[in-house]
Amino acid sequence: MKYLCLVYGEEQALQAMDDRHCVAFDDEVRRTGHCIASEALQPAATATTVRVRNGKLSVTDGPFAETKEILAGFYMIEARDLNEAIQIASKIPPAQVGSVEVRPIRPIRETVRALQKEGATHGVR
């Protein structure tokens, strides 16, 4: 069985965490073969919510969900910019009855590895 583990928490507390701990866990869970895909998300303020009602597209800045709505799944897509991502998201069938939140991926592993490489180049660990 596959599971999506969504990390929730107080945003300031999560941002205060050292990304290296998250990357170390990610490396380990990937090494064991348990990880299929993982990404850190940009802050919630970067989200865009897409709805289609009666054929009309509605775009709202930031995350927004009615309290009765639950997370039902995700699509990871490649798009040239936010506008293209919104157009793709508007075609996802559940957008007709629910909403699709569009949020950029935060390249946590790449950032940490670049910092580590830079530190190794300068003799810093």
PDB file of N, CA and C in Angstrom:
ATOM      1  N   MET A   1       0.832  -1.186   0.000  1.00  0.00           N
ATOM      2  CA  MET A   1       0.000   0.000   0.000  1.00  0.00           C
ATOM      3  C   MET A   1       0.875   1.247   0.000  1.00  0.00           C
ATOM      4  N   LYS A   2       0.394   2.237  -0.636  1.00  0.00           N
ATOM      5  CA  LYS A   2       1.105   3.499  -0.678  1.00  0.00           C
ATOM      6  C   LYS A   2       0.407   4.502   0.230  1.00  0.00           C
ATOM      7  N   TYR A   3       1.187   5.357   0.863  1.00  0.00           N
ATOM      8  CA  TYR A   3       0.649   6.391   1.735  1.00  0.00           C
ATOM      9  C   TYR A   3       1.269   7.731   1.386  1.00  0.00           C
ATOM     10  N   LEU A   4       0.472   8.759   1.481  1.00  0.00           N
ATOM     11  CA  LEU A   4       0.973  10.120   1.353  1.00  0.00           C
ATOM     12  C   LEU A   4       1.014  10.686   2.759  1.00  0.00           C
ATOM     13  N   CYS A   5       2.161  11.026   3.225  1.00  0.00           N
ATOM     14  CA  CYS A   5       2.313  11.618   4.558  1.00  0.00           C
ATOM     15  C   CYS A   5       2.454  13.120   4.406  1.00  0.00           C
ATOM     16  N   LEU A   6       1.395  13.827   4.756  1.00  0.00           N
ATOM     17  CA  LEU A   6       1.395  15.287   4.660  1.00  0.00           C
ATOM     18  C   LEU A   6       1.856  15.853   5.994  1.00  0.00           C
ATOM     19  N   VAL A   7       2.829  16.707   5.965  1.00  0.00           N
ATOM     20  CA  VAL A   7       3.377  17.281   7.189  1.00  0.00           C
ATOM     21  C   VAL A   7       2.643  18.582   7.494  1.00  0.00           C
ATOM     22  N   TYR A   8       1.987  18.620   8.637  1.00  0.00           N
ATOM     23  CA  TYR A   8       1.287  19.819   9.072  1.00  0.00           C
ATOM     24  C   TYR A   8       1.933  20.326  10.346  1.00  0.00           C
ATOM     25  N   GLY A   9       1.905  21.603  10.562  1.00  0.00           N
ATOM     26  CA  GLY A   9       2.443  22.182  11.785  1.00  0.00           C
ATOM     27  C   GLY A   9       2.366  23.690  11.703  1.00  0.00           C
ATOM     28  N   GLU A  10       2.755  24.339  12.775  1.00  0.00           N
ATOM     29  CA  GLU A  10       2.786  25.793  12.814  1.00  0.00           C
ATOM     30  C   GLU A  10       3.921  26.231  11.887  1.00  0.00           C
ATOM     31  N   GLU A  11       3.606  27.076  10.930  1.00  0.00           N
ATOM     32  CA  GLU A  11       4.544  27.409   9.864  1.00  0.00           C
ATOM     33  C   GLU A  11       5.866  27.972  10.373  1.00  0.00           C
ATOM     34  N   GLN A  12       5.834  28.865  11.354  1.00  0.00           N
ATOM     35  CA  GLN A  12       7.078  29.447  11.870  1.00  0.00           C
ATOM     36  C   GLN A  12       7.958  28.382  12.515  1.00  0.00           C
ATOM     37  N   ALA A  13       7.339  27.450  13.220  1.00  0.00           N
ATOM     38  CA  ALA A  13       8.109  26.382  13.859  1.00  0.00           C
ATOM     39  C   ALA A  13       8.749  25.476  12.804  1.00  0.00           C
ATOM     40  N   LEU A  14       8.025  25.176  11.740  1.00  0.00           N
ATOM     41  CA  LEU A  14       8.571  24.344  10.673  1.00  0.00           C
ATOM     42  C   LEU A  14       9.716  25.053   9.956  1.00  0.00           C
ATOM     43  N   GLN A  15       9.571  26.354   9.733  1.00  0.00           N
ATOM     44  CA  GLN A  15      10.621  27.113   9.050  1.00  0.00           C
ATOM     45  C   GLN A  15      11.878  27.221   9.910  1.00  0.00           C
ATOM     46  N   ALA A  16      11.702  27.140  11.215  1.00  0.00           N
ATOM     47  CA  ALA A  16      12.846  27.239  12.121  1.00  0.00           C
ATOM     48  C   ALA A  16      13.667  25.950  12.176  1.00  0.00           C
ATOM     49  N   MET A  17      13.099  24.858  11.679  1.00  0.00           N
ATOM     50  CA  MET A  17      13.817  23.579  11.680  1.00  0.00           C
ATOM     51  C   MET A  17      14.995  23.633  10.717  1.00  0.00           C
ATOM     52  N   ASP A  18      16.042  22.909  11.055  1.00  0.00           N
ATOM     53  CA  ASP A  18      17.204  22.804  10.183  1.00  0.00           C
ATOM     54  C   ASP A  18      16.871  21.830   9.056  1.00  0.00           C
ATOM     55  N   ASP A  19      16.895  22.309   7.830  1.00  0.00           N
ATOM     56  CA  ASP A  19      16.552  21.483   6.670  1.00  0.00           C
ATOM     57  C   ASP A  19      17.443  20.244   6.562  1.00  0.00           C
ATOM     58  N   ARG A  20      18.653  20.310   7.108  1.00  0.00           N
ATOM     59  CA  ARG A  20      19.560  19.157   7.008  1.00  0.00           C
ATOM     60  C   ARG A  20      18.994  17.928   7.703  1.00  0.00           C
ATOM     61  N   HIS A  21      18.212  18.132   8.775  1.00  0.00           N
ATOM     62  CA  HIS A  21      17.589  16.987   9.464  1.00  0.00           C
ATOM     63  C   HIS A  21      16.550  16.319   8.557  1.00  0.00           C
ATOM     64  N   CYS A  22      15.793  17.142   7.864  1.00  0.00           N
ATOM     65  CA  CYS A  22      14.773  16.614   6.947  1.00  0.00           C
ATOM     66  C   CYS A  22      15.423  15.869   5.786  1.00  0.00           C
ATOM     67  N   VAL A  23      16.512  16.426   5.262  1.00  0.00           N
ATOM     68  CA  VAL A  23      17.194  15.785   4.144  1.00  0.00           C
ATOM     69  C   VAL A  23      17.849  14.478   4.598  1.00  0.00           C
ATOM     70  N   ALA A  24      18.385  14.449   5.811  1.00  0.00           N
ATOM     71  CA  ALA A  24      18.986  13.214   6.335  1.00  0.00           C
ATOM     72  C   ALA A  24      17.928  12.116   6.439  1.00  0.00           C
ATOM     73  N   PHE A  25      16.745  12.461   6.964  1.00  0.00           N
ATOM     74  CA  PHE A  25      15.654  11.484   7.033  1.00  0.00           C
ATOM     75  C   PHE A  25      15.267  11.038   5.631  1.00  0.00           C
ATOM     76  N   ASP A  26      15.147  12.000   4.721  1.00  0.00           N
ATOM     77  CA  ASP A  26      14.770  11.698   3.341  1.00  0.00           C
ATOM     78  C   ASP A  26      15.777  10.739   2.704  1.00  0.00           C
ATOM     79  N   ASP A  27      17.061  11.007   2.901  1.00  0.00           N
ATOM     80  CA  ASP A  27      18.101  10.121   2.351  1.00  0.00           C
ATOM     81  C   ASP A  27      17.943   8.709   2.909  1.00  0.00           C
ATOM     82  N   GLU A  28      17.691   8.594   4.208  1.00  0.00           N
ATOM     83  CA  GLU A  28      17.568   7.283   4.846  1.00  0.00           C
ATOM     84  C   GLU A  28      16.330   6.522   4.356  1.00  0.00           C
ATOM     85  N   VAL A  29      15.197   7.182   4.305  1.00  0.00           N
ATOM     86  CA  VAL A  29      13.963   6.507   3.890  1.00  0.00           C
ATOM     87  C   VAL A  29      14.032   6.127   2.408  1.00  0.00           C
ATOM     88  N   ARG A  30      14.755   6.908   1.612  1.00  0.00           N
ATOM     89  CA  ARG A  30      14.971   6.542   0.214  1.00  0.00           C
ATOM     90  C   ARG A  30      15.906   5.342   0.113  1.00  0.00           C
ATOM     91  N   ARG A  31      16.949   5.329   0.960  1.00  0.00           N
ATOM     92  CA  ARG A  31      17.909   4.226   0.963  1.00  0.00           C
ATOM     93  C   ARG A  31      17.226   2.900   1.277  1.00  0.00           C
ATOM     94  N   THR A  32      16.244   2.934   2.160  1.00  0.00           N
ATOM     95  CA  THR A  32      15.538   1.708   2.541  1.00  0.00           C
ATOM     96  C   THR A  32      14.500   1.279   1.509  1.00  0.00           C
ATOM     97  N   GLY A  33      14.245   2.137   0.530  1.00  0.00           N
ATOM     98  CA  GLY A  33      13.283   1.799  -0.511  1.00  0.00           C
ATOM     99  C   GLY A  33      11.841   2.108  -0.157  1.00  0.00           C
ATOM    100  N   HIS A  34      11.606   2.759   0.970  1.00  0.00           N
ATOM    101  CA  HIS A  34      10.240   3.077   1.373  1.00  0.00           C
ATOM    102  C   HIS A  34       9.696   4.361   0.751  1.00  0.00           C
ATOM    103  N   CYS A  35      10.581   5.230   0.303  1.00  0.00           N
ATOM    104  CA  CYS A  35      10.142   6.515  -0.246  1.00  0.00           C
ATOM    105  C   CYS A  35       9.956   6.426  -1.745  1.00  0.00           C
ATOM    106  N   ILE A  36       8.785   6.798  -2.214  1.00  0.00           N
ATOM    107  CA  ILE A  36       8.482   6.834  -3.640  1.00  0.00           C
ATOM    108  C   ILE A  36       8.756   8.239  -4.176  1.00  0.00           C
ATOM    109  N   ALA A  37       8.265   9.252  -3.482  1.00  0.00           N
ATOM    110  CA  ALA A  37       8.461  10.649  -3.876  1.00  0.00           C
ATOM    111  C   ALA A  37       8.281  11.530  -2.654  1.00  0.00           C
ATOM    112  N   SER A  38       9.031  12.603  -2.594  1.00  0.00           N
ATOM    113  CA  SER A  38       8.873  13.544  -1.490  1.00  0.00           C
ATOM    114  C   SER A  38       9.305  14.926  -1.943  1.00  0.00           C
ATOM    115  N   GLU A  39       8.626  15.920  -1.451  1.00  0.00           N
ATOM    116  CA  GLU A  39       8.977  17.308  -1.718  1.00  0.00           C
ATOM    117  C   GLU A  39       8.512  18.172  -0.561  1.00  0.00           C
ATOM    118  N   ALA A  40       9.275  19.222  -0.274  1.00  0.00           N
ATOM    119  CA  ALA A  40       8.850  20.240   0.681  1.00  0.00           C
ATOM    120  C   ALA A  40       8.086  21.295  -0.114  1.00  0.00           C
ATOM    121  N   LEU A  41       7.072  21.876   0.486  1.00  0.00           N
ATOM    122  CA  LEU A  41       6.274  22.899  -0.196  1.00  0.00           C
ATOM    123  C   LEU A  41       6.707  24.294   0.218  1.00  0.00           C
ATOM    124  N   GLN A  42       6.541  25.230  -0.692  1.00  0.00           N
ATOM    125  CA  GLN A  42       6.739  26.632  -0.362  1.00  0.00           C
ATOM    126  C   GLN A  42       5.694  26.999   0.705  1.00  0.00           C
ATOM    127  N   PRO A  43       5.860  28.115   1.404  1.00  0.00           N
ATOM    128  CA  PRO A  43       4.882  28.517   2.427  1.00  0.00           C
ATOM    129  C   PRO A  43       3.457  28.600   1.873  1.00  0.00           C
ATOM    130  N   ALA A  44       2.479  28.427   2.746  1.00  0.00           N
ATOM    131  CA  ALA A  44       1.072  28.435   2.343  1.00  0.00           C
ATOM    132  C   ALA A  44       0.688  29.719   1.616  1.00  0.00           C
ATOM    133  N   ALA A  45       1.342  30.819   1.936  1.00  0.00           N
ATOM    134  CA  ALA A  45       1.020  32.096   1.289  1.00  0.00           C
ATOM    135  C   ALA A  45       1.314  32.072  -0.209  1.00  0.00           C
ATOM    136  N   THR A  46       2.115  31.113  -0.681  1.00  0.00           N
ATOM    137  CA  THR A  46       2.427  31.037  -2.114  1.00  0.00           C
ATOM    138  C   THR A  46       1.388  30.237  -2.889  1.00  0.00           C
ATOM    139  N   ALA A  47       0.430  29.641  -2.182  1.00  0.00           N
ATOM    140  CA  ALA A  47      -0.563  28.774  -2.824  1.00  0.00           C
ATOM    141  C   ALA A  47      -1.568  29.573  -3.648  1.00  0.00           C
ATOM    142  N   THR A  48      -2.129  28.904  -4.624  1.00  0.00           N
ATOM    143  CA  THR A  48      -3.216  29.436  -5.438  1.00  0.00           C
ATOM    144  C   THR A  48      -4.282  28.346  -5.499  1.00  0.00           C
ATOM    145  N   THR A  49      -5.520  28.685  -5.197  1.00  0.00           N
ATOM    146  CA  THR A  49      -6.605  27.714  -5.213  1.00  0.00           C
ATOM    147  C   THR A  49      -7.447  27.923  -6.471  1.00  0.00           C
ATOM    148  N   VAL A  50      -7.711  26.824  -7.164  1.00  0.00           N
ATOM    149  CA  VAL A  50      -8.443  26.846  -8.429  1.00  0.00           C
ATOM    150  C   VAL A  50      -9.774  26.116  -8.260  1.00  0.00           C
ATOM    151  N   ARG A  51     -10.853  26.736  -8.713  1.00  0.00           N
ATOM    152  CA  ARG A  51     -12.171  26.111  -8.716  1.00  0.00           C
ATOM    153  C   ARG A  51     -12.805  26.330 -10.080  1.00  0.00           C
ATOM    154  N   VAL A  52     -13.632  25.383 -10.487  1.00  0.00           N
ATOM    155  CA  VAL A  52     -14.429  25.544 -11.699  1.00  0.00           C
ATOM    156  C   VAL A  52     -15.877  25.272 -11.311  1.00  0.00           C
ATOM    157  N   ARG A  53     -16.741  26.246 -11.497  1.00  0.00           N
ATOM    158  CA  ARG A  53     -18.154  26.112 -11.186  1.00  0.00           C
ATOM    159  C   ARG A  53     -18.955  26.544 -12.405  1.00  0.00           C
ATOM    160  N   ASN A  54     -19.825  25.667 -12.863  1.00  0.00           N
ATOM    161  CA  ASN A  54     -20.638  25.971 -14.035  1.00  0.00           C
ATOM    162  C   ASN A  54     -19.779  26.471 -15.194  1.00  0.00           C
ATOM    163  N   GLY A  55     -18.623  25.840 -15.375  1.00  0.00           N
ATOM    164  CA  GLY A  55     -17.731  26.195 -16.465  1.00  0.00           C
ATOM    165  C   GLY A  55     -16.910  27.448 -16.252  1.00  0.00           C
ATOM    166  N   LYS A  56     -17.048  28.116 -15.078  1.00  0.00           N
ATOM    167  CA  LYS A  56     -16.313  29.347 -14.813  1.00  0.00           C
ATOM    168  C   LYS A  56     -15.133  29.067 -13.882  1.00  0.00           C
ATOM    169  N   LEU A  57     -13.952  29.558 -14.284  1.00  0.00           N
ATOM    170  CA  LEU A  57     -12.737  29.399 -13.505  1.00  0.00           C
ATOM    171  C   LEU A  57     -12.659  30.474 -12.430  1.00  0.00           C
ATOM    172  N   SER A  58     -12.385  30.058 -11.210  1.00  0.00           N
ATOM    173  CA  SER A  58     -12.186  30.977 -10.089  1.00  0.00           C
ATOM    174  C   SER A  58     -10.816  30.686  -9.498  1.00  0.00           C
ATOM    175  N   VAL A  59      -9.984  31.720  -9.368  1.00  0.00           N
ATOM    176  CA  VAL A  59      -8.639  31.577  -8.829  1.00  0.00           C
ATOM    177  C   VAL A  59      -8.526  32.452  -7.588  1.00  0.00           C
ATOM    178  N   THR A  60      -8.099  31.860  -6.463  1.00  0.00           N
ATOM    179  CA  THR A  60      -7.961  32.582  -5.202  1.00  0.00           C
ATOM    180  C   THR A  60      -6.520  32.481  -4.733  1.00  0.00           C
ATOM    181  N   ASP A  61      -5.915  33.603  -4.366  1.00  0.00           N
ATOM    182  CA  ASP A  61      -4.568  33.572  -3.804  1.00  0.00           C
ATOM    183  C   ASP A  61      -4.617  32.917  -2.432  1.00  0.00           C
ATOM    184  N   GLY A  62      -3.627  32.083  -2.165  1.00  0.00           N
ATOM    185  CA  GLY A  62      -3.526  31.424  -0.874  1.00  0.00           C
ATOM    186  C   GLY A  62      -4.357  30.166  -0.811  1.00  0.00           C
ATOM    187  N   PRO A  63      -4.119  29.368   0.210  1.00  0.00           N
ATOM    188  CA  PRO A  63      -4.906  28.137   0.368  1.00  0.00           C
ATOM    189  C   PRO A  63      -6.292  28.482   0.884  1.00  0.00           C
ATOM    190  N   PHE A  64      -7.262  27.754   0.420  1.00  0.00           N
ATOM    191  CA  PHE A  64      -8.614  27.946   0.928  1.00  0.00           C
ATOM    192  C   PHE A  64      -9.361  26.652   0.737  1.00  0.00           C
ATOM    193  N   ALA A  65      -9.981  26.182   1.782  1.00  0.00           N
ATOM    194  CA  ALA A  65     -10.802  24.981   1.679  1.00  0.00           C
ATOM    195  C   ALA A  65     -11.987  25.132   2.619  1.00  0.00           C
ATOM    196  N   GLU A  66     -13.163  24.766   2.146  1.00  0.00           N
ATOM    197  CA  GLU A  66     -14.319  24.716   3.032  1.00  0.00           C
ATOM    198  C   GLU A  66     -14.010  23.680   4.099  1.00  0.00           C
ATOM    199  N   THR A  67     -14.533  23.862   5.301  1.00  0.00           N
ATOM    200  CA  THR A  67     -14.219  22.924   6.372  1.00  0.00           C
ATOM    201  C   THR A  67     -14.672  21.509   6.054  1.00  0.00           C
ATOM    202  N   LYS A  68     -15.657  21.369   5.207  1.00  0.00           N
ATOM    203  CA  LYS A  68     -16.128  20.031   4.853  1.00  0.00           C
ATOM    204  C   LYS A  68     -15.225  19.356   3.825  1.00  0.00           C
ATOM    205  N   GLU A  69     -14.349  20.128   3.179  1.00  0.00           N
ATOM    206  CA  GLU A  69     -13.454  19.549   2.185  1.00  0.00           C
ATOM    207  C   GLU A  69     -12.281  18.854   2.870  1.00  0.00           C
ATOM    208  N   ILE A  70     -11.857  17.744   2.308  1.00  0.00           N
ATOM    209  CA  ILE A  70     -10.701  17.022   2.811  1.00  0.00           C
ATOM    210  C   ILE A  70      -9.695  16.861   1.678  1.00  0.00           C
ATOM    211  N   LEU A  71      -8.467  16.593   2.022  1.00  0.00           N
ATOM    212  CA  LEU A  71      -7.460  16.321   1.005  1.00  0.00           C
ATOM    213  C   LEU A  71      -7.726  14.936   0.448  1.00  0.00           C
ATOM    214  N   ALA A  72      -7.881  14.845  -0.847  1.00  0.00           N
ATOM    215  CA  ALA A  72      -8.217  13.565  -1.466  1.00  0.00           C
ATOM    216  C   ALA A  72      -7.067  12.978  -2.275  1.00  0.00           C
ATOM    217  N   GLY A  73      -6.068  13.736  -2.590  1.00  0.00           N
ATOM    218  CA  GLY A  73      -4.942  13.236  -3.356  1.00  0.00           C
ATOM    219  C   GLY A  73      -4.120  14.379  -3.902  1.00  0.00           C
ATOM    220  N   PHE A  74      -3.105  14.041  -4.729  1.00  0.00           N
ATOM    221  CA  PHE A  74      -2.295  15.098  -5.317  1.00  0.00           C
ATOM    222  C   PHE A  74      -1.792  14.700  -6.689  1.00  0.00           C
ATOM    223  N   TYR A  75      -1.476  15.672  -7.471  1.00  0.00           N
ATOM    224  CA  TYR A  75      -0.803  15.513  -8.746  1.00  0.00           C
ATOM    225  C   TYR A  75       0.467  16.355  -8.667  1.00  0.00           C
ATOM    226  N   MET A  76       1.599  15.803  -9.064  1.00  0.00           N
ATOM    227  CA  MET A  76       2.792  16.616  -9.207  1.00  0.00           C
ATOM    228  C   MET A  76       2.922  16.893 -10.703  1.00  0.00           C
ATOM    229  N   ILE A  77       2.919  18.149 -11.060  1.00  0.00           N
ATOM    230  CA  ILE A  77       2.950  18.512 -12.475  1.00  0.00           C
ATOM    231  C   ILE A  77       4.180  19.360 -12.788  1.00  0.00           C
ATOM    232  N   GLU A  78       4.531  19.434 -14.057  1.00  0.00           N
ATOM    233  CA  GLU A  78       5.585  20.320 -14.556  1.00  0.00           C
ATOM    234  C   GLU A  78       4.900  21.394 -15.385  1.00  0.00           C
ATOM    235  N   ALA A  79       5.149  22.641 -15.077  1.00  0.00           N
ATOM    236  CA  ALA A  79       4.556  23.760 -15.822  1.00  0.00           C
ATOM    237  C   ALA A  79       5.592  24.861 -15.953  1.00  0.00           C
ATOM    238  N   ARG A  80       5.490  25.647 -17.015  1.00  0.00           N
ATOM    239  CA  ARG A  80       6.502  26.695 -17.223  1.00  0.00           C
ATOM    240  C   ARG A  80       6.335  27.853 -16.237  1.00  0.00           C
ATOM    241  N   ASP A  81       5.103  28.093 -15.737  1.00  0.00           N
ATOM    242  CA  ASP A  81       4.872  29.169 -14.772  1.00  0.00           C
ATOM    243  C   ASP A  81       3.531  28.930 -14.077  1.00  0.00           C
ATOM    244  N   LEU A  82       3.172  29.825 -13.153  1.00  0.00           N
ATOM    245  CA  LEU A  82       1.939  29.663 -12.384  1.00  0.00           C
ATOM    246  C   LEU A  82       0.709  29.673 -13.278  1.00  0.00           C
ATOM    247  N   ASN A  83       0.694  30.518 -14.286  1.00  0.00           N
ATOM    248  CA  ASN A  83      -0.478  30.572 -15.177  1.00  0.00           C
ATOM    249  C   ASN A  83      -0.716  29.241 -15.878  1.00  0.00           C
ATOM    250  N   GLU A  84       0.356  28.619 -16.376  1.00  0.00           N
ATOM    251  CA  GLU A  84       0.191  27.318 -17.022  1.00  0.00           C
ATOM    252  C   GLU A  84      -0.257  26.276 -15.998  1.00  0.00           C
ATOM    253  N   ALA A  85       0.282  26.350 -14.787  1.00  0.00           N
ATOM    254  CA  ALA A  85      -0.112  25.409 -13.737  1.00  0.00           C
ATOM    255  C   ALA A  85      -1.596  25.553 -13.400  1.00  0.00           C
ATOM    256  N   ILE A  86      -2.087  26.786 -13.358  1.00  0.00           N
ATOM    257  CA  ILE A  86      -3.510  27.031 -13.085  1.00  0.00           C
ATOM    258  C   ILE A  86      -4.371  26.426 -14.194  1.00  0.00           C
ATOM    259  N   GLN A  87      -3.948  26.594 -15.437  1.00  0.00           N
ATOM    260  CA  GLN A  87      -4.714  26.023 -16.552  1.00  0.00           C
ATOM    261  C   GLN A  87      -4.754  24.497 -16.467  1.00  0.00           C
ATOM    262  N   ILE A  88      -3.632  23.896 -16.119  1.00  0.00           N
ATOM    263  CA  ILE A  88      -3.596  22.435 -15.961  1.00  0.00           C
ATOM    264  C   ILE A  88      -4.498  22.024 -14.797  1.00  0.00           C
ATOM    265  N   ALA A  89      -4.377  22.723 -13.665  1.00  0.00           N
ATOM    266  CA  ALA A  89      -5.176  22.391 -12.474  1.00  0.00           C
ATOM    267  C   ALA A  89      -6.665  22.522 -12.737  1.00  0.00           C
ATOM    268  N   SER A  90      -7.055  23.477 -13.580  1.00  0.00           N
ATOM    269  CA  SER A  90      -8.482  23.674 -13.860  1.00  0.00           C
ATOM    270  C   SER A  90      -9.086  22.504 -14.634  1.00  0.00           C
ATOM    271  N   LYS A  91      -8.227  21.658 -15.206  1.00  0.00           N
ATOM    272  CA  LYS A  91      -8.704  20.491 -15.966  1.00  0.00           C
ATOM    273  C   LYS A  91      -8.761  19.214 -15.127  1.00  0.00           C
ATOM    274  N   ILE A  92      -8.293  19.281 -13.900  1.00  0.00           N
ATOM    275  CA  ILE A  92      -8.365  18.108 -13.020  1.00  0.00           C
ATOM    276  C   ILE A  92      -9.833  17.936 -12.623  1.00  0.00           C
ATOM    277  N   PRO A  93     -10.426  16.765 -12.894  1.00  0.00           N
ATOM    278  CA  PRO A  93     -11.869  16.589 -12.681  1.00  0.00           C
ATOM    279  C   PRO A  93     -12.416  17.025 -11.321  1.00  0.00           C
ATOM    280  N   PRO A  94     -11.785  16.743 -10.193  1.00  0.00           N
ATOM    281  CA  PRO A  94     -12.355  17.187  -8.914  1.00  0.00           C
ATOM    282  C   PRO A  94     -12.452  18.699  -8.749  1.00  0.00           C
ATOM    283  N   ALA A  95     -11.810  19.485  -9.616  1.00  0.00           N
ATOM    284  CA  ALA A  95     -11.957  20.944  -9.533  1.00  0.00           C
ATOM    285  C   ALA A  95     -13.407  21.359  -9.776  1.00  0.00           C
ATOM    286  N   GLN A  96     -14.186  20.470 -10.397  1.00  0.00           N
ATOM    287  CA  GLN A  96     -15.601  20.759 -10.673  1.00  0.00           C
ATOM    288  C   GLN A  96     -16.460  20.724  -9.409  1.00  0.00           C
ATOM    289  N   VAL A  97     -16.032  19.981  -8.409  1.00  0.00           N
ATOM    290  CA  VAL A  97     -16.839  19.838  -7.183  1.00  0.00           C
ATOM    291  C   VAL A  97     -16.076  20.226  -5.928  1.00  0.00           C
ATOM    292  N   GLY A  98     -14.766  20.319  -6.031  1.00  0.00           N
ATOM    293  CA  GLY A  98     -13.923  20.675  -4.893  1.00  0.00           C
ATOM    294  C   GLY A  98     -12.988  21.791  -5.301  1.00  0.00           C
ATOM    295  N   SER A  99     -11.737  21.701  -4.852  1.00  0.00           N
ATOM    296  CA  SER A  99     -10.746  22.698  -5.243  1.00  0.00           C
ATOM    297  C   SER A  99      -9.385  22.033  -5.397  1.00  0.00           C
ATOM    298  N   VAL A 100      -8.533  22.676  -6.159  1.00  0.00           N
ATOM    299  CA  VAL A 100      -7.171  22.201  -6.368  1.00  0.00           C
ATOM    300  C   VAL A 100      -6.242  23.327  -5.932  1.00  0.00           C
ATOM    301  N   GLU A 101      -5.414  23.051  -4.918  1.00  0.00           N
ATOM    302  CA  GLU A 101      -4.432  24.036  -4.470  1.00  0.00           C
ATOM    303  C   GLU A 101      -3.165  23.860  -5.293  1.00  0.00           C
ATOM    304  N   VAL A 102      -2.667  24.949  -5.866  1.00  0.00           N
ATOM    305  CA  VAL A 102      -1.450  24.926  -6.677  1.00  0.00           C
ATOM    306  C   VAL A 102      -0.356  25.620  -5.870  1.00  0.00           C
ATOM    307  N   ARG A 103       0.715  24.864  -5.546  1.00  0.00           N
ATOM    308  CA  ARG A 103       1.792  25.425  -4.729  1.00  0.00           C
ATOM    309  C   ARG A 103       3.145  25.015  -5.294  1.00  0.00           C
ATOM    310  N   PRO A 104       4.081  25.979  -5.432  1.00  0.00           N
ATOM    311  CA  PRO A 104       5.415  25.639  -5.924  1.00  0.00           C
ATOM    312  C   PRO A 104       6.156  24.706  -4.962  1.00  0.00           C
ATOM    313  N   ILE A 105       7.024  23.885  -5.526  1.00  0.00           N
ATOM    314  CA  ILE A 105       7.877  23.002  -4.739  1.00  0.00           C
ATOM    315  C   ILE A 105       9.080  23.799  -4.245  1.00  0.00           C
ATOM    316  N   ARG A 106       9.487  23.547  -3.029  1.00  0.00           N
ATOM    317  CA  ARG A 106      10.690  24.170  -2.462  1.00  0.00           C
ATOM    318  C   ARG A 106      11.835  23.176  -2.613  1.00  0.00           C
ATOM    319  N   PRO A 107      12.889  23.500  -3.331  1.00  0.00           N
ATOM    320  CA  PRO A 107      13.978  22.539  -3.601  1.00  0.00           C
ATOM    321  C   PRO A 107      14.897  22.346  -2.397  1.00  0.00           C
ATOM    322  N   ILE A 108      14.375  21.756  -1.338  1.00  0.00           N
ATOM    323  CA  ILE A 108      15.102  21.607  -0.080  1.00  0.00           C
ATOM    324  C   ILE A 108      16.384  20.787  -0.235  1.00  0.00           C
ATOM    325  N   ARG A 109      16.305  19.638  -0.885  1.00  0.00           N
ATOM    326  CA  ARG A 109      17.502  18.785  -1.021  1.00  0.00           C
ATOM    327  C   ARG A 109      18.583  19.490  -1.822  1.00  0.00           C
ATOM    328  N   GLU A 110      18.184  20.101  -2.941  1.00  0.00           N
ATOM    329  CA  GLU A 110      19.147  20.780  -3.789  1.00  0.00           C
ATOM    330  C   GLU A 110      19.820  21.929  -3.041  1.00  0.00           C
ATOM    331  N   THR A 111      19.038  22.681  -2.268  1.00  0.00           N
ATOM    332  CA  THR A 111      19.571  23.804  -1.502  1.00  0.00           C
ATOM    333  C   THR A 111      20.572  23.326  -0.457  1.00  0.00           C
ATOM    334  N   VAL A 112      20.179  22.309   0.306  1.00  0.00           N
ATOM    335  CA  VAL A 112      21.062  21.780   1.350  1.00  0.00           C
ATOM    336  C   VAL A 112      22.322  21.190   0.736  1.00  0.00           C
ATOM    337  N   ARG A 113      22.177  20.425  -0.328  1.00  0.00           N
ATOM    338  CA  ARG A 113      23.353  19.806  -0.959  1.00  0.00           C
ATOM    339  C   ARG A 113      24.284  20.861  -1.543  1.00  0.00           C
ATOM    340  N   ALA A 114      23.722  21.921  -2.115  1.00  0.00           N
ATOM    341  CA  ALA A 114      24.559  22.999  -2.643  1.00  0.00           C
ATOM    342  C   ALA A 114      25.323  23.669  -1.506  1.00  0.00           C
ATOM    343  N   LEU A 115      24.666  23.876  -0.370  1.00  0.00           N
ATOM    344  CA  LEU A 115      25.330  24.464   0.790  1.00  0.00           C
ATOM    345  C   LEU A 115      26.414  23.536   1.325  1.00  0.00           C
ATOM    346  N   GLN A 116      26.125  22.235   1.355  1.00  0.00           N
ATOM    347  CA  GLN A 116      27.111  21.266   1.823  1.00  0.00           C
ATOM    348  C   GLN A 116      28.315  21.236   0.885  1.00  0.00           C
ATOM    349  N   LYS A 117      28.043  21.275  -0.415  1.00  0.00           N
ATOM    350  CA  LYS A 117      29.120  21.252  -1.402  1.00  0.00           C
ATOM    351  C   LYS A 117      29.964  22.517  -1.265  1.00  0.00           C
ATOM    352  N   GLU A 118      29.297  23.648  -1.083  1.00  0.00           N
ATOM    353  CA  GLU A 118      30.000  24.911  -0.914  1.00  0.00           C
ATOM    354  C   GLU A 118      30.854  24.876   0.348  1.00  0.00           C
ATOM    355  N   GLY A 119      30.294  24.282   1.423  1.00  0.00           N
ATOM    356  CA  GLY A 119      31.046  24.153   2.673  1.00  0.00           C
ATOM    357  C   GLY A 119      32.249  23.236   2.514  1.00  0.00           C
ATOM    358  N   ALA A 120      32.067  22.145   1.745  1.00  0.00           N
ATOM    359  CA  ALA A 120      33.180  21.202   1.518  1.00  0.00           C
ATOM    360  C   ALA A 120      34.276  21.887   0.712  1.00  0.00           C
ATOM    361  N   THR A 121      33.871  22.733  -0.231  1.00  0.00           N
ATOM    362  CA  THR A 121      34.833  23.464  -1.049  1.00  0.00           C
ATOM    363  C   THR A 121      35.654  24.429  -0.198  1.00  0.00           C
ATOM    364  N   HIS A 122      34.998  24.981   0.835  1.00  0.00           N
ATOM    365  CA  HIS A 122      35.667  25.928   1.720  1.00  0.00           C
ATOM    366  C   HIS A 122      36.168  25.282   2.998  1.00  0.00           C
ATOM    367  N   GLY A 123      36.159  23.945   3.051  1.00  0.00           N
ATOM    368  CA  GLY A 123      36.649  23.244   4.231  1.00  0.00           C
ATOM    369  C   GLY A 123      35.726  23.309   5.435  1.00  0.00           C
ATOM    370  N   VAL A 124      34.442  23.615   5.190  1.00  0.00           N
ATOM    371  CA  VAL A 124      33.450  23.714   6.269  1.00  0.00           C
ATOM    372  C   VAL A 124      32.506  22.526   6.178  1.00  0.00           C
ATOM    373  N   ARG A 125      32.090  22.005   7.319  1.00  0.00           N
ATOM    374  CA  ARG A 125      31.133  20.875   7.319  1.00  0.00           C
ATOM    375  C   ARG A 125      29.816  21.312   7.885  1.00  0.00           C
TER     376      ARG A 125
END
